[in-house]
Amino acid sequence: MAQVLEPLVSAGENGVEVTCPDHQVRRMHPIVAAYVADFPEQCLVACCMENRCPKCTVKHDSCGDMRVSAPRKRETTMENLRLHSQGEMSSDHFESELGLRAIYSPFWTALPHNDIFLCMTPDILHQLHKGVFKDHLVSWCTKIIGEDELDAHHQNYTTQTWLYMAMSELPYLSYVSGARSQCRAMLGNSILALS
């Protein structure tokens, strides 16, 4: 990534002349505004453990709390990486307390006017689909109607002719993976059971 983003270093520091829509030439300083990646890669880029948030300093056991944690800061992270690499910080404190990973030369250190932690975009697959749906919604439905009842509704899914008709009328559903279809079926049947 450092090689890919290398042209942004000098352009960010010195600026580049760009002709704007009003035909005026202006000096721009391009930056990385968004870093789109899945959650494991975000953690790797943020130099944090995968059980931590790549954007803030919340501890693993406090992730569900409604408190707002301090955001990760570029300078603080770089200082902690430096202290650990020089042996001035114990690995236990570095990993357990701070939740950091020993990546001593992250690609984003040379980028001017940039805070990589502010560039992270939401990971829809891991944070929304898996996080909300699989981890919470399915467990709530299981708690409400029980695992056996949920399984019975899921097995009943294949006998519902109206669902087959609905799926055949919506061609985009053919691109949905089996696991997602099963999750949606479980949720739909659970909601039907609760109503």
C-alpha atoms as a PDB file:
ATOM      1  CA  MET A   1       0.000   0.000   0.000  1.00  0.00           C
ATOM      2  CA  ALA A   2       2.878   2.360   0.713  1.00  0.00           C
ATOM      3  CA  GLN A   3       4.031   2.032  -2.912  1.00  0.00           C
ATOM      4  CA  VAL A   4       0.511   2.577  -4.256  1.00  0.00           C
ATOM      5  CA  LEU A   5       0.004   5.709  -2.165  1.00  0.00           C
ATOM      6  CA  GLU A   6       3.539   7.070  -2.617  1.00  0.00           C
ATOM      7  CA  PRO A   7       2.476   9.741  -5.178  1.00  0.00           C
ATOM      8  CA  LEU A   8       0.069  11.174  -2.576  1.00  0.00           C
ATOM      9  CA  VAL A   9       2.931  11.956  -0.193  1.00  0.00           C
ATOM     10  CA  SER A  10       4.570  14.689  -2.284  1.00  0.00           C
ATOM     11  CA  ALA A  11       1.221  15.812  -3.718  1.00  0.00           C
ATOM     12  CA  GLY A  12      -0.172  16.132  -0.198  1.00  0.00           C
ATOM     13  CA  GLU A  13       2.865  18.034   1.072  1.00  0.00           C
ATOM     14  CA  ASN A  14       3.478  20.353  -1.897  1.00  0.00           C
ATOM     15  CA  GLY A  15       0.064  20.331  -3.544  1.00  0.00           C
ATOM     16  CA  VAL A  16      -0.742  19.960  -7.231  1.00  0.00           C
ATOM     17  CA  GLU A  17      -2.269  22.477  -9.581  1.00  0.00           C
ATOM     18  CA  VAL A  18      -5.739  21.500 -10.745  1.00  0.00           C
ATOM     19  CA  THR A  19      -8.075  23.255 -13.155  1.00  0.00           C
ATOM     20  CA  CYS A  20     -11.456  23.613 -11.474  1.00  0.00           C
ATOM     21  CA  PRO A  21     -14.872  23.664 -13.218  1.00  0.00           C
ATOM     22  CA  ASP A  22     -14.823  27.476 -13.212  1.00  0.00           C
ATOM     23  CA  HIS A  23     -11.551  27.319 -15.263  1.00  0.00           C
ATOM     24  CA  GLN A  24      -9.486  28.684 -12.384  1.00  0.00           C
ATOM     25  CA  VAL A  25      -6.238  26.886 -11.541  1.00  0.00           C
ATOM     26  CA  ARG A  26      -5.969  26.088  -7.850  1.00  0.00           C
ATOM     27  CA  ARG A  27      -3.438  24.246  -5.709  1.00  0.00           C
ATOM     28  CA  MET A  28      -4.976  21.108  -4.184  1.00  0.00           C
ATOM     29  CA  HIS A  29      -3.578  18.807  -1.511  1.00  0.00           C
ATOM     30  CA  PRO A  30      -5.097  15.345  -2.127  1.00  0.00           C
ATOM     31  CA  ILE A  31      -5.665  13.046   0.826  1.00  0.00           C
ATOM     32  CA  VAL A  32      -7.021   9.569   1.489  1.00  0.00           C
ATOM     33  CA  ALA A  33     -10.606  10.366   2.442  1.00  0.00           C
ATOM     34  CA  ALA A  34     -12.001   6.832   2.769  1.00  0.00           C
ATOM     35  CA  TYR A  35     -10.442   3.444   3.356  1.00  0.00           C
ATOM     36  CA  VAL A  36     -12.899   0.710   2.380  1.00  0.00           C
ATOM     37  CA  ALA A  37     -12.005  -2.702   3.779  1.00  0.00           C
ATOM     38  CA  ASP A  38     -13.523  -5.565   5.697  1.00  0.00           C
ATOM     39  CA  PHE A  39     -13.186  -5.610   9.477  1.00  0.00           C
ATOM     40  CA  PRO A  40     -10.072  -7.836   9.724  1.00  0.00           C
ATOM     41  CA  GLU A  41      -8.219  -5.642   7.217  1.00  0.00           C
ATOM     42  CA  GLN A  42      -9.346  -2.478   9.025  1.00  0.00           C
ATOM     43  CA  CYS A  43      -7.836  -3.864  12.228  1.00  0.00           C
ATOM     44  CA  LEU A  44      -4.613  -4.703  10.386  1.00  0.00           C
ATOM     45  CA  VAL A  45      -4.404  -1.169   8.943  1.00  0.00           C
ATOM     46  CA  ALA A  46      -5.204   0.368  12.352  1.00  0.00           C
ATOM     47  CA  CYS A  47      -2.491  -1.811  13.961  1.00  0.00           C
ATOM     48  CA  CYS A  48      -5.026  -3.158  16.462  1.00  0.00           C
ATOM     49  CA  MET A  49      -6.106  -6.629  17.521  1.00  0.00           C
ATOM     50  CA  GLU A  50      -9.175  -8.061  15.793  1.00  0.00           C
ATOM     51  CA  ASN A  51     -11.155  -8.006  19.035  1.00  0.00           C
ATOM     52  CA  ARG A  52     -10.810  -4.211  19.177  1.00  0.00           C
ATOM     53  CA  CYS A  53     -12.380  -1.333  17.289  1.00  0.00           C
ATOM     54  CA  PRO A  54     -10.167   0.103  14.525  1.00  0.00           C
ATOM     55  CA  LYS A  55     -11.649   3.586  15.053  1.00  0.00           C
ATOM     56  CA  CYS A  56     -11.735   4.029  18.839  1.00  0.00           C
ATOM     57  CA  THR A  57     -10.003   2.784  21.980  1.00  0.00           C
ATOM     58  CA  VAL A  58     -12.916   0.846  23.473  1.00  0.00           C
ATOM     59  CA  LYS A  59     -11.831  -2.276  25.341  1.00  0.00           C
ATOM     60  CA  HIS A  60     -13.020  -5.669  24.101  1.00  0.00           C
ATOM     61  CA  ASP A  61     -15.335  -6.285  27.060  1.00  0.00           C
ATOM     62  CA  SER A  62     -16.933  -2.821  26.727  1.00  0.00           C
ATOM     63  CA  CYS A  63     -17.917  -2.984  23.040  1.00  0.00           C
ATOM     64  CA  GLY A  64     -21.647  -3.237  23.792  1.00  0.00           C
ATOM     65  CA  ASP A  65     -21.700  -0.348  26.257  1.00  0.00           C
ATOM     66  CA  MET A  66     -23.465   2.841  25.305  1.00  0.00           C
ATOM     67  CA  ARG A  67     -20.479   4.953  26.380  1.00  0.00           C
ATOM     68  CA  VAL A  68     -18.512   6.808  23.728  1.00  0.00           C
ATOM     69  CA  SER A  69     -14.838   5.859  23.807  1.00  0.00           C
ATOM     70  CA  ALA A  70     -11.952   8.092  22.834  1.00  0.00           C
ATOM     71  CA  PRO A  71     -11.089   7.942  19.138  1.00  0.00           C
ATOM     72  CA  ARG A  72      -7.785   6.426  18.055  1.00  0.00           C
ATOM     73  CA  LYS A  73      -5.196   9.093  17.333  1.00  0.00           C
ATOM     74  CA  ARG A  74      -2.430   8.853  14.773  1.00  0.00           C
ATOM     75  CA  GLU A  75       0.206  10.420  17.033  1.00  0.00           C
ATOM     76  CA  THR A  76      -0.675   8.276  20.054  1.00  0.00           C
ATOM     77  CA  THR A  77      -0.649   5.070  18.022  1.00  0.00           C
ATOM     78  CA  MET A  78       2.697   5.948  16.427  1.00  0.00           C
ATOM     79  CA  GLU A  79       4.190   6.776  19.832  1.00  0.00           C
ATOM     80  CA  ASN A  80       2.971   3.475  21.320  1.00  0.00           C
ATOM     81  CA  LEU A  81       4.362   1.554  18.325  1.00  0.00           C
ATOM     82  CA  ARG A  82       7.703   3.342  18.757  1.00  0.00           C
ATOM     83  CA  LEU A  83       7.859   2.640  22.501  1.00  0.00           C
ATOM     84  CA  HIS A  84       7.075  -1.043  21.982  1.00  0.00           C
ATOM     85  CA  SER A  85       9.558  -1.476  19.123  1.00  0.00           C
ATOM     86  CA  GLN A  86      12.336   0.039  21.271  1.00  0.00           C
ATOM     87  CA  GLY A  87      11.468  -2.210  24.226  1.00  0.00           C
ATOM     88  CA  GLU A  88      10.244   0.670  26.398  1.00  0.00           C
ATOM     89  CA  MET A  89       6.727  -0.817  26.688  1.00  0.00           C
ATOM     90  CA  SER A  90       5.866  -4.346  27.773  1.00  0.00           C
ATOM     91  CA  SER A  91       4.142  -6.638  25.278  1.00  0.00           C
ATOM     92  CA  ASP A  92       1.437  -7.361  27.848  1.00  0.00           C
ATOM     93  CA  HIS A  93       0.506  -3.672  28.145  1.00  0.00           C
ATOM     94  CA  PHE A  94       0.890  -3.125  24.388  1.00  0.00           C
ATOM     95  CA  GLU A  95      -1.362  -6.042  23.423  1.00  0.00           C
ATOM     96  CA  SER A  96      -3.729  -6.569  26.370  1.00  0.00           C
ATOM     97  CA  GLU A  97      -4.270  -3.020  27.581  1.00  0.00           C
ATOM     98  CA  LEU A  98      -3.886  -1.011  24.380  1.00  0.00           C
ATOM     99  CA  GLY A  99      -5.030  -3.777  22.033  1.00  0.00           C
ATOM    100  CA  LEU A 100      -2.308  -2.970  19.512  1.00  0.00           C
ATOM    101  CA  ARG A 101      -0.461  -5.159  17.038  1.00  0.00           C
ATOM    102  CA  ALA A 102       3.263  -4.947  16.357  1.00  0.00           C
ATOM    103  CA  ILE A 103       3.188  -3.359  12.895  1.00  0.00           C
ATOM    104  CA  TYR A 104       6.015  -0.866  13.185  1.00  0.00           C
ATOM    105  CA  SER A 105       5.861   0.713   9.718  1.00  0.00           C
ATOM    106  CA  PRO A 106       2.219   1.197   8.742  1.00  0.00           C
ATOM    107  CA  PHE A 107       1.764   2.491   5.195  1.00  0.00           C
ATOM    108  CA  TRP A 108      -0.135   5.572   6.355  1.00  0.00           C
ATOM    109  CA  THR A 109       2.653   7.121   8.450  1.00  0.00           C
ATOM    110  CA  ALA A 110       4.075   9.120   5.515  1.00  0.00           C
ATOM    111  CA  LEU A 111       0.716  10.475   4.325  1.00  0.00           C
ATOM    112  CA  PRO A 112       0.398  14.181   5.194  1.00  0.00           C
ATOM    113  CA  HIS A 113      -2.834  15.776   6.448  1.00  0.00           C
ATOM    114  CA  ASN A 114      -4.300  12.354   7.095  1.00  0.00           C
ATOM    115  CA  ASP A 115      -5.733  10.381   9.992  1.00  0.00           C
ATOM    116  CA  ILE A 116      -6.310   6.811   8.832  1.00  0.00           C
ATOM    117  CA  PHE A 117      -8.676   6.137  11.743  1.00  0.00           C
ATOM    118  CA  LEU A 118     -11.094   8.772  10.436  1.00  0.00           C
ATOM    119  CA  CYS A 119     -10.943   7.219   6.948  1.00  0.00           C
ATOM    120  CA  MET A 120     -12.377   3.835   7.974  1.00  0.00           C
ATOM    121  CA  THR A 121     -15.813   3.163   6.472  1.00  0.00           C
ATOM    122  CA  PRO A 122     -18.398   0.812   8.009  1.00  0.00           C
ATOM    123  CA  ASP A 123     -17.963  -2.856   7.136  1.00  0.00           C
ATOM    124  CA  ILE A 124     -21.528  -3.809   6.188  1.00  0.00           C
ATOM    125  CA  LEU A 125     -20.886  -7.564   6.035  1.00  0.00           C
ATOM    126  CA  HIS A 126     -19.252  -7.963   9.437  1.00  0.00           C
ATOM    127  CA  GLN A 127     -20.783  -5.099  11.371  1.00  0.00           C
ATOM    128  CA  LEU A 128     -24.345  -5.081  10.058  1.00  0.00           C
ATOM    129  CA  HIS A 129     -25.170  -8.450   8.529  1.00  0.00           C
ATOM    130  CA  LYS A 130     -23.169 -10.674  10.852  1.00  0.00           C
ATOM    131  CA  GLY A 131     -23.079  -8.339  13.827  1.00  0.00           C
ATOM    132  CA  VAL A 132     -26.719  -7.307  13.982  1.00  0.00           C
ATOM    133  CA  PHE A 133     -28.455 -10.143  12.192  1.00  0.00           C
ATOM    134  CA  LYS A 134     -26.532 -13.283  13.101  1.00  0.00           C
ATOM    135  CA  ASP A 135     -25.204 -12.278  16.504  1.00  0.00           C
ATOM    136  CA  HIS A 136     -28.218 -10.400  17.833  1.00  0.00           C
ATOM    137  CA  LEU A 137     -31.451 -10.852  15.889  1.00  0.00           C
ATOM    138  CA  VAL A 138     -31.205 -14.633  15.571  1.00  0.00           C
ATOM    139  CA  SER A 139     -30.240 -14.976  19.241  1.00  0.00           C
ATOM    140  CA  TRP A 140     -33.180 -12.761  20.271  1.00  0.00           C
ATOM    141  CA  CYS A 141     -35.600 -14.843  18.194  1.00  0.00           C
ATOM    142  CA  THR A 142     -34.124 -18.017  19.673  1.00  0.00           C
ATOM    143  CA  LYS A 143     -34.556 -16.602  23.170  1.00  0.00           C
ATOM    144  CA  ILE A 144     -38.179 -15.620  22.465  1.00  0.00           C
ATOM    145  CA  ILE A 145     -39.511 -18.759  20.747  1.00  0.00           C
ATOM    146  CA  GLY A 146     -36.798 -21.309  21.558  1.00  0.00           C
ATOM    147  CA  GLU A 147     -34.330 -23.161  19.370  1.00  0.00           C
ATOM    148  CA  ASP A 148     -36.649 -26.089  18.601  1.00  0.00           C
ATOM    149  CA  GLU A 149     -39.488 -23.785  17.531  1.00  0.00           C
ATOM    150  CA  LEU A 150     -37.118 -21.710  15.408  1.00  0.00           C
ATOM    151  CA  ASP A 151     -35.819 -24.883  13.726  1.00  0.00           C
ATOM    152  CA  ALA A 152     -39.384 -26.053  13.109  1.00  0.00           C
ATOM    153  CA  HIS A 153     -40.240 -22.756  11.422  1.00  0.00           C
ATOM    154  CA  HIS A 154     -37.069 -22.942   9.368  1.00  0.00           C
ATOM    155  CA  GLN A 155     -37.911 -26.483   8.218  1.00  0.00           C
ATOM    156  CA  ASN A 156     -41.426 -25.293   7.382  1.00  0.00           C
ATOM    157  CA  TYR A 157     -39.908 -22.705   5.049  1.00  0.00           C
ATOM    158  CA  THR A 158     -39.584 -25.227   2.206  1.00  0.00           C
ATOM    159  CA  THR A 159     -43.328 -26.012   2.261  1.00  0.00           C
ATOM    160  CA  GLN A 160     -44.438 -22.406   1.840  1.00  0.00           C
ATOM    161  CA  THR A 161     -45.487 -22.113  -1.832  1.00  0.00           C
ATOM    162  CA  TRP A 162     -45.971 -18.353  -1.596  1.00  0.00           C
ATOM    163  CA  LEU A 163     -42.269 -18.009  -0.778  1.00  0.00           C
ATOM    164  CA  TYR A 164     -41.302 -19.958  -3.900  1.00  0.00           C
ATOM    165  CA  MET A 165     -43.552 -17.696  -5.967  1.00  0.00           C
ATOM    166  CA  ALA A 166     -42.057 -14.578  -4.400  1.00  0.00           C
ATOM    167  CA  MET A 167     -38.527 -15.823  -5.019  1.00  0.00           C
ATOM    168  CA  SER A 168     -39.266 -16.686  -8.651  1.00  0.00           C
ATOM    169  CA  GLU A 169     -40.721 -13.212  -9.217  1.00  0.00           C
ATOM    170  CA  LEU A 170     -37.592 -11.530  -7.829  1.00  0.00           C
ATOM    171  CA  PRO A 171     -34.675 -12.623 -10.032  1.00  0.00           C
ATOM    172  CA  TYR A 172     -32.079 -10.813  -7.929  1.00  0.00           C
ATOM    173  CA  LEU A 173     -32.676 -13.378  -5.163  1.00  0.00           C
ATOM    174  CA  SER A 174     -30.938 -15.984  -7.309  1.00  0.00           C
ATOM    175  CA  TYR A 175     -27.678 -14.178  -6.533  1.00  0.00           C
ATOM    176  CA  VAL A 176     -28.147 -14.451  -2.764  1.00  0.00           C
ATOM    177  CA  SER A 177     -25.979 -17.070  -1.083  1.00  0.00           C
ATOM    178  CA  GLY A 178     -27.489 -20.055   0.686  1.00  0.00           C
ATOM    179  CA  ALA A 179     -26.439 -18.892   4.136  1.00  0.00           C
ATOM    180  CA  ARG A 180     -28.064 -15.501   3.649  1.00  0.00           C
ATOM    181  CA  SER A 181     -31.240 -17.086   2.308  1.00  0.00           C
ATOM    182  CA  GLN A 182     -31.383 -19.377   5.307  1.00  0.00           C
ATOM    183  CA  CYS A 183     -30.903 -16.472   7.699  1.00  0.00           C
ATOM    184  CA  ARG A 184     -33.625 -14.459   6.007  1.00  0.00           C
ATOM    185  CA  ALA A 185     -35.928 -17.457   6.034  1.00  0.00           C
ATOM    186  CA  MET A 186     -35.281 -18.000   9.728  1.00  0.00           C
ATOM    187  CA  LEU A 187     -35.992 -14.367  10.474  1.00  0.00           C
ATOM    188  CA  GLY A 188     -39.141 -14.306   8.340  1.00  0.00           C
ATOM    189  CA  ASN A 189     -40.500 -17.467   9.909  1.00  0.00           C
ATOM    190  CA  SER A 190     -39.610 -16.217  13.372  1.00  0.00           C
ATOM    191  CA  ILE A 191     -41.473 -12.981  12.784  1.00  0.00           C
ATOM    192  CA  LEU A 192     -44.464 -14.935  11.452  1.00  0.00           C
ATOM    193  CA  ALA A 193     -44.370 -17.101  14.569  1.00  0.00           C
ATOM    194  CA  LEU A 194     -44.256 -14.083  16.850  1.00  0.00           C
ATOM    195  CA  SER A 195     -47.146 -12.279  15.162  1.00  0.00           C
END
